[in-house]
Amino acid sequence: MRSLLALIICTAFLAPSLGWAQSLTADQVAAFQSAPAHPAECARLRRQVDHYIGMQQRAATLQDEMWQGRLGHHVTMLRAMQAARCPNDLPVDTTAEAFKVLIQIAAKAALTYFTFGAAGF
């Protein structure tokens, strides 16, 4: 009996709050998407794109084509979101990224050479 009374009281208090819950209209969604994003949101999107590109490279190393394809789709979706929400972001410079990878490989080779293989790379 007490639990029934408690249930009735809870529903009486919760019923008005359920009427206040609203979803966004199509106009509100369009206004949200057209507004420029906060710099923190742009930074989060950049970090997510970098993370999933790294995971895609790992999938390529493991030769998992399905995982690589799904990650590629996710990266494409995130880049589209980034292009829509953060128009001031600079595009990724692929030449600089390739040069960075080249420098990393050269550094590993030099470390191995100058330590006579003790570095173990």
N, C-alpha and C. Protein backbone atom coordinates (compact mmCIF):
# COMPACT_ATOMS: atom_id res chain seq x y z
N MET A 1 0.82 -1.18 0.00
CA MET A 1 0.00 0.00 0.00
C MET A 1 0.87 1.26 0.00
N ARG A 2 1.93 1.22 0.81
CA ARG A 2 2.81 2.38 0.87
C ARG A 2 3.54 2.59 -0.46
N SER A 3 3.94 1.50 -1.07
CA SER A 3 4.65 1.64 -2.35
C SER A 3 3.72 2.18 -3.43
N LEU A 4 2.44 1.81 -3.38
CA LEU A 4 1.48 2.33 -4.33
C LEU A 4 1.28 3.82 -4.12
N LEU A 5 1.19 4.22 -2.86
CA LEU A 5 1.04 5.64 -2.55
C LEU A 5 2.28 6.43 -2.99
N ALA A 6 3.45 5.88 -2.77
CA ALA A 6 4.69 6.53 -3.20
C ALA A 6 4.74 6.65 -4.73
N LEU A 7 4.28 5.63 -5.43
CA LEU A 7 4.25 5.66 -6.89
C LEU A 7 3.29 6.73 -7.40
N ILE A 8 2.14 6.86 -6.77
CA ILE A 8 1.17 7.87 -7.17
C ILE A 8 1.72 9.27 -6.93
N ILE A 9 2.37 9.48 -5.82
CA ILE A 9 2.94 10.79 -5.50
C ILE A 9 4.05 11.14 -6.49
N CYS A 10 4.90 10.18 -6.81
CA CYS A 10 6.00 10.43 -7.76
C CYS A 10 5.46 10.77 -9.14
N THR A 11 4.44 10.05 -9.59
CA THR A 11 3.88 10.36 -10.91
C THR A 11 3.19 11.71 -10.91
N ALA A 12 2.61 12.10 -9.78
CA ALA A 12 1.96 13.41 -9.70
C ALA A 12 2.99 14.53 -9.81
N PHE A 13 4.16 14.33 -9.24
CA PHE A 13 5.20 15.36 -9.32
C PHE A 13 5.94 15.34 -10.65
N LEU A 14 6.05 14.17 -11.27
CA LEU A 14 6.80 14.07 -12.52
C LEU A 14 5.97 14.39 -13.75
N ALA A 15 4.68 14.28 -13.69
CA ALA A 15 3.82 14.49 -14.85
C ALA A 15 3.98 15.89 -15.45
N PRO A 16 3.99 16.98 -14.66
CA PRO A 16 4.18 18.30 -15.28
C PRO A 16 5.55 18.47 -15.92
N SER A 17 6.58 17.85 -15.37
CA SER A 17 7.91 18.03 -15.94
C SER A 17 8.05 17.32 -17.28
N LEU A 18 7.27 16.26 -17.50
CA LEU A 18 7.33 15.57 -18.79
C LEU A 18 6.77 16.44 -19.91
N GLY A 19 5.84 17.30 -19.61
CA GLY A 19 5.29 18.19 -20.61
C GLY A 19 6.27 19.27 -21.03
N TRP A 20 7.24 19.60 -20.21
CA TRP A 20 8.21 20.64 -20.55
C TRP A 20 9.29 20.15 -21.49
N ALA A 21 9.52 18.85 -21.54
CA ALA A 21 10.58 18.31 -22.39
C ALA A 21 10.20 18.49 -23.85
N GLN A 22 11.04 19.19 -24.59
CA GLN A 22 10.78 19.45 -26.00
C GLN A 22 12.01 19.10 -26.80
N SER A 23 11.78 18.74 -28.03
CA SER A 23 12.91 18.53 -28.92
C SER A 23 13.08 19.78 -29.79
N LEU A 24 14.21 19.88 -30.42
CA LEU A 24 14.49 21.05 -31.26
C LEU A 24 13.71 20.96 -32.57
N THR A 25 13.27 22.09 -33.03
CA THR A 25 12.61 22.14 -34.33
C THR A 25 13.66 22.15 -35.42
N ALA A 26 13.24 21.97 -36.64
CA ALA A 26 14.18 21.95 -37.77
C ALA A 26 14.87 23.31 -37.92
N ASP A 27 14.14 24.39 -37.66
CA ASP A 27 14.75 25.73 -37.75
C ASP A 27 15.82 25.92 -36.68
N GLN A 28 15.57 25.41 -35.49
CA GLN A 28 16.55 25.54 -34.41
C GLN A 28 17.80 24.72 -34.72
N VAL A 29 17.62 23.54 -35.30
CA VAL A 29 18.76 22.71 -35.68
C VAL A 29 19.58 23.39 -36.76
N ALA A 30 18.92 23.97 -37.76
CA ALA A 30 19.63 24.68 -38.83
C ALA A 30 20.38 25.89 -38.29
N ALA A 31 19.77 26.60 -37.34
CA ALA A 31 20.45 27.76 -36.74
C ALA A 31 21.66 27.31 -35.94
N PHE A 32 21.55 26.19 -35.24
CA PHE A 32 22.68 25.67 -34.47
C PHE A 32 23.82 25.26 -35.39
N GLN A 33 23.49 24.60 -36.50
CA GLN A 33 24.52 24.13 -37.41
C GLN A 33 25.18 25.27 -38.18
N SER A 34 24.45 26.35 -38.40
CA SER A 34 25.04 27.45 -39.16
C SER A 34 25.86 28.39 -38.28
N ALA A 35 25.67 28.33 -36.96
CA ALA A 35 26.43 29.20 -36.06
C ALA A 35 27.87 28.71 -35.97
N PRO A 36 28.82 29.63 -35.88
CA PRO A 36 30.22 29.20 -35.74
C PRO A 36 30.43 28.48 -34.41
N ALA A 37 31.30 27.51 -34.43
CA ALA A 37 31.54 26.70 -33.25
C ALA A 37 32.49 27.40 -32.30
N HIS A 38 32.43 26.98 -31.06
CA HIS A 38 33.35 27.46 -30.03
C HIS A 38 34.74 26.89 -30.33
N PRO A 39 35.81 27.60 -30.03
CA PRO A 39 37.16 27.07 -30.31
C PRO A 39 37.43 25.73 -29.63
N ALA A 40 36.83 25.50 -28.47
CA ALA A 40 37.03 24.21 -27.79
C ALA A 40 36.40 23.08 -28.59
N GLU A 41 35.26 23.34 -29.22
CA GLU A 41 34.63 22.31 -30.04
C GLU A 41 35.49 22.00 -31.26
N CYS A 42 36.06 23.03 -31.85
CA CYS A 42 36.95 22.83 -33.01
C CYS A 42 38.19 22.04 -32.60
N ALA A 43 38.73 22.34 -31.44
CA ALA A 43 39.90 21.59 -30.95
C ALA A 43 39.54 20.13 -30.70
N ARG A 44 38.35 19.90 -30.15
CA ARG A 44 37.90 18.52 -29.90
C ARG A 44 37.75 17.77 -31.22
N LEU A 45 37.19 18.42 -32.22
CA LEU A 45 37.04 17.76 -33.52
C LEU A 45 38.39 17.46 -34.15
N ARG A 46 39.36 18.38 -34.01
CA ARG A 46 40.71 18.12 -34.54
C ARG A 46 41.34 16.93 -33.85
N ARG A 47 41.21 16.87 -32.51
CA ARG A 47 41.78 15.75 -31.77
C ARG A 47 41.12 14.43 -32.17
N GLN A 48 39.81 14.45 -32.37
CA GLN A 48 39.12 13.23 -32.78
C GLN A 48 39.57 12.77 -34.16
N VAL A 49 39.71 13.71 -35.08
CA VAL A 49 40.16 13.34 -36.43
C VAL A 49 41.56 12.74 -36.36
N ASP A 50 42.46 13.36 -35.61
CA ASP A 50 43.82 12.84 -35.47
C ASP A 50 43.82 11.45 -34.84
N HIS A 51 42.99 11.26 -33.82
CA HIS A 51 42.93 9.96 -33.15
C HIS A 51 42.45 8.87 -34.10
N TYR A 52 41.38 9.14 -34.84
CA TYR A 52 40.83 8.11 -35.73
C TYR A 52 41.72 7.87 -36.94
N ILE A 53 42.49 8.86 -37.37
CA ILE A 53 43.46 8.62 -38.44
C ILE A 53 44.56 7.69 -37.93
N GLY A 54 45.00 7.90 -36.69
CA GLY A 54 45.99 7.00 -36.09
C GLY A 54 45.45 5.58 -35.95
N MET A 55 44.19 5.47 -35.56
CA MET A 55 43.58 4.14 -35.45
C MET A 55 43.43 3.49 -36.82
N GLN A 56 43.17 4.30 -37.85
CA GLN A 56 43.07 3.77 -39.21
C GLN A 56 44.42 3.25 -39.68
N GLN A 57 45.50 3.94 -39.33
CA GLN A 57 46.84 3.46 -39.66
C GLN A 57 47.15 2.16 -38.93
N ARG A 58 46.67 2.06 -37.69
CA ARG A 58 46.86 0.82 -36.93
C ARG A 58 46.09 -0.32 -37.58
N ALA A 59 44.88 -0.03 -38.04
CA ALA A 59 44.09 -1.06 -38.73
C ALA A 59 44.79 -1.50 -40.01
N ALA A 60 45.43 -0.57 -40.70
CA ALA A 60 46.17 -0.92 -41.92
C ALA A 60 47.37 -1.80 -41.57
N THR A 61 48.02 -1.49 -40.44
CA THR A 61 49.15 -2.31 -40.01
C THR A 61 48.71 -3.73 -39.67
N LEU A 62 47.54 -3.84 -39.04
CA LEU A 62 47.00 -5.15 -38.68
C LEU A 62 46.28 -5.84 -39.83
N GLN A 63 46.19 -5.15 -40.96
CA GLN A 63 45.55 -5.66 -42.18
C GLN A 63 44.09 -6.05 -41.93
N ASP A 64 43.39 -5.21 -41.20
CA ASP A 64 41.97 -5.42 -40.94
C ASP A 64 41.18 -4.45 -41.82
N GLU A 65 40.73 -4.96 -42.97
CA GLU A 65 40.10 -4.10 -43.96
C GLU A 65 38.75 -3.55 -43.49
N MET A 66 37.98 -4.37 -42.78
CA MET A 66 36.68 -3.91 -42.32
C MET A 66 36.83 -2.78 -41.31
N TRP A 67 37.74 -2.94 -40.37
CA TRP A 67 37.99 -1.90 -39.37
C TRP A 67 38.51 -0.63 -40.04
N GLN A 68 39.38 -0.82 -41.00
CA GLN A 68 39.96 0.31 -41.72
C GLN A 68 38.87 1.07 -42.49
N GLY A 69 37.95 0.35 -43.10
CA GLY A 69 36.86 0.98 -43.84
C GLY A 69 35.92 1.75 -42.93
N ARG A 70 35.58 1.15 -41.78
CA ARG A 70 34.69 1.83 -40.83
C ARG A 70 35.34 3.08 -40.25
N LEU A 71 36.63 2.98 -39.94
CA LEU A 71 37.32 4.15 -39.43
C LEU A 71 37.43 5.23 -40.49
N GLY A 72 37.62 4.83 -41.75
CA GLY A 72 37.66 5.80 -42.83
C GLY A 72 36.33 6.53 -42.97
N HIS A 73 35.23 5.78 -42.82
CA HIS A 73 33.91 6.42 -42.87
C HIS A 73 33.74 7.39 -41.71
N HIS A 74 34.22 7.01 -40.53
CA HIS A 74 34.09 7.88 -39.35
C HIS A 74 34.94 9.14 -39.50
N VAL A 75 36.14 8.99 -40.06
CA VAL A 75 37.01 10.16 -40.29
C VAL A 75 36.35 11.10 -41.29
N THR A 76 35.74 10.55 -42.33
CA THR A 76 35.05 11.38 -43.32
C THR A 76 33.91 12.15 -42.67
N MET A 77 33.15 11.48 -41.80
CA MET A 77 32.05 12.13 -41.11
C MET A 77 32.56 13.25 -40.19
N LEU A 78 33.63 12.99 -39.45
CA LEU A 78 34.18 13.99 -38.55
C LEU A 78 34.74 15.19 -39.32
N ARG A 79 35.39 14.93 -40.45
CA ARG A 79 35.92 16.04 -41.26
C ARG A 79 34.79 16.88 -41.84
N ALA A 80 33.68 16.23 -42.20
CA ALA A 80 32.52 16.99 -42.70
C ALA A 80 31.94 17.86 -41.59
N MET A 81 31.87 17.32 -40.38
CA MET A 81 31.40 18.11 -39.24
C MET A 81 32.34 19.27 -38.98
N GLN A 82 33.64 19.01 -39.06
CA GLN A 82 34.63 20.05 -38.82
C GLN A 82 34.54 21.13 -39.89
N ALA A 83 34.33 20.75 -41.12
CA ALA A 83 34.22 21.75 -42.20
C ALA A 83 32.96 22.59 -42.02
N ALA A 84 31.88 21.97 -41.54
CA ALA A 84 30.63 22.71 -41.36
C ALA A 84 30.67 23.61 -40.14
N ARG A 85 31.22 23.12 -39.04
CA ARG A 85 31.18 23.86 -37.78
C ARG A 85 32.36 24.79 -37.60
N CYS A 86 33.51 24.48 -38.18
CA CYS A 86 34.73 25.25 -37.96
C CYS A 86 35.31 25.70 -39.31
N PRO A 87 34.70 26.68 -39.95
CA PRO A 87 35.21 27.08 -41.27
C PRO A 87 36.56 27.78 -41.21
N ASN A 88 36.98 28.26 -40.05
CA ASN A 88 38.26 28.96 -39.94
C ASN A 88 39.44 28.02 -39.74
N ASP A 89 39.17 26.73 -39.53
CA ASP A 89 40.26 25.78 -39.35
C ASP A 89 41.02 25.61 -40.66
N LEU A 90 42.31 25.52 -40.54
CA LEU A 90 43.15 25.34 -41.72
C LEU A 90 43.10 23.88 -42.14
N PRO A 91 43.16 23.61 -43.43
CA PRO A 91 43.20 22.22 -43.86
C PRO A 91 44.52 21.57 -43.45
N VAL A 92 44.50 20.28 -43.35
CA VAL A 92 45.69 19.54 -42.94
C VAL A 92 46.72 19.60 -44.06
N ASP A 93 47.93 19.97 -43.70
CA ASP A 93 49.02 20.05 -44.67
C ASP A 93 49.65 18.67 -44.80
N THR A 94 49.34 17.97 -45.87
CA THR A 94 49.83 16.60 -46.03
C THR A 94 51.34 16.57 -46.26
N THR A 95 51.90 17.61 -46.85
CA THR A 95 53.35 17.66 -47.07
C THR A 95 54.08 17.74 -45.74
N ALA A 96 53.57 18.55 -44.84
CA ALA A 96 54.20 18.66 -43.52
C ALA A 96 54.07 17.36 -42.74
N GLU A 97 52.93 16.71 -42.87
CA GLU A 97 52.75 15.42 -42.18
C GLU A 97 53.73 14.37 -42.73
N ALA A 98 53.91 14.33 -44.04
CA ALA A 98 54.84 13.38 -44.65
C ALA A 98 56.27 13.70 -44.22
N PHE A 99 56.62 14.98 -44.15
CA PHE A 99 57.96 15.37 -43.71
C PHE A 99 58.17 14.99 -42.25
N LYS A 100 57.15 15.13 -41.42
CA LYS A 100 57.25 14.75 -40.01
C LYS A 100 57.52 13.25 -39.87
N VAL A 101 56.84 12.44 -40.68
CA VAL A 101 57.05 10.99 -40.65
C VAL A 101 58.46 10.67 -41.12
N LEU A 102 58.93 11.35 -42.15
CA LEU A 102 60.29 11.14 -42.66
C LEU A 102 61.33 11.46 -41.59
N ILE A 103 61.14 12.56 -40.87
CA ILE A 103 62.07 12.94 -39.80
C ILE A 103 62.05 11.91 -38.67
N GLN A 104 60.88 11.38 -38.34
CA GLN A 104 60.80 10.36 -37.29
C GLN A 104 61.55 9.09 -37.69
N ILE A 105 61.38 8.68 -38.92
CA ILE A 105 62.09 7.48 -39.40
C ILE A 105 63.59 7.73 -39.42
N ALA A 106 64.02 8.89 -39.86
CA ALA A 106 65.45 9.22 -39.89
C ALA A 106 66.02 9.28 -38.48
N ALA A 107 65.27 9.79 -37.53
CA ALA A 107 65.75 9.85 -36.16
C ALA A 107 65.92 8.45 -35.58
N LYS A 108 64.98 7.55 -35.87
CA LYS A 108 65.10 6.17 -35.39
C LYS A 108 66.31 5.49 -36.02
N ALA A 109 66.51 5.72 -37.32
CA ALA A 109 67.66 5.12 -38.00
C ALA A 109 68.96 5.67 -37.44
N ALA A 110 69.04 6.96 -37.18
CA ALA A 110 70.26 7.56 -36.63
C ALA A 110 70.53 7.03 -35.22
N LEU A 111 69.48 6.89 -34.42
CA LEU A 111 69.65 6.38 -33.06
C LEU A 111 70.18 4.95 -33.09
N THR A 112 69.64 4.15 -33.98
CA THR A 112 70.12 2.77 -34.11
C THR A 112 71.56 2.75 -34.61
N TYR A 113 71.91 3.61 -35.55
CA TYR A 113 73.25 3.64 -36.11
C TYR A 113 74.27 4.09 -35.08
N PHE A 114 73.96 5.16 -34.35
CA PHE A 114 74.95 5.71 -33.43
C PHE A 114 75.04 4.94 -32.11
N THR A 115 74.08 4.09 -31.81
CA THR A 115 74.19 3.26 -30.61
C THR A 115 74.59 1.83 -30.97
N PHE A 116 74.97 1.61 -32.23
CA PHE A 116 75.39 0.31 -32.73
C PHE A 116 74.32 -0.76 -32.49
N GLY A 117 73.06 -0.36 -32.70
CA GLY A 117 71.96 -1.31 -32.59
C GLY A 117 71.43 -1.53 -31.18
N ALA A 118 72.00 -0.85 -30.20
CA ALA A 118 71.59 -1.05 -28.81
C ALA A 118 70.20 -0.45 -28.55
N ALA A 119 69.79 0.51 -29.37
CA ALA A 119 68.47 1.13 -29.16
C ALA A 119 67.36 0.15 -29.51
N GLY A 120 67.61 -0.78 -30.41
CA GLY A 120 66.66 -1.83 -30.71
C GLY A 120 65.51 -1.44 -31.61
N PHE A 121 65.68 -0.41 -32.40
CA PHE A 121 64.60 -0.03 -33.32
C PHE A 121 64.82 -0.78 -34.59
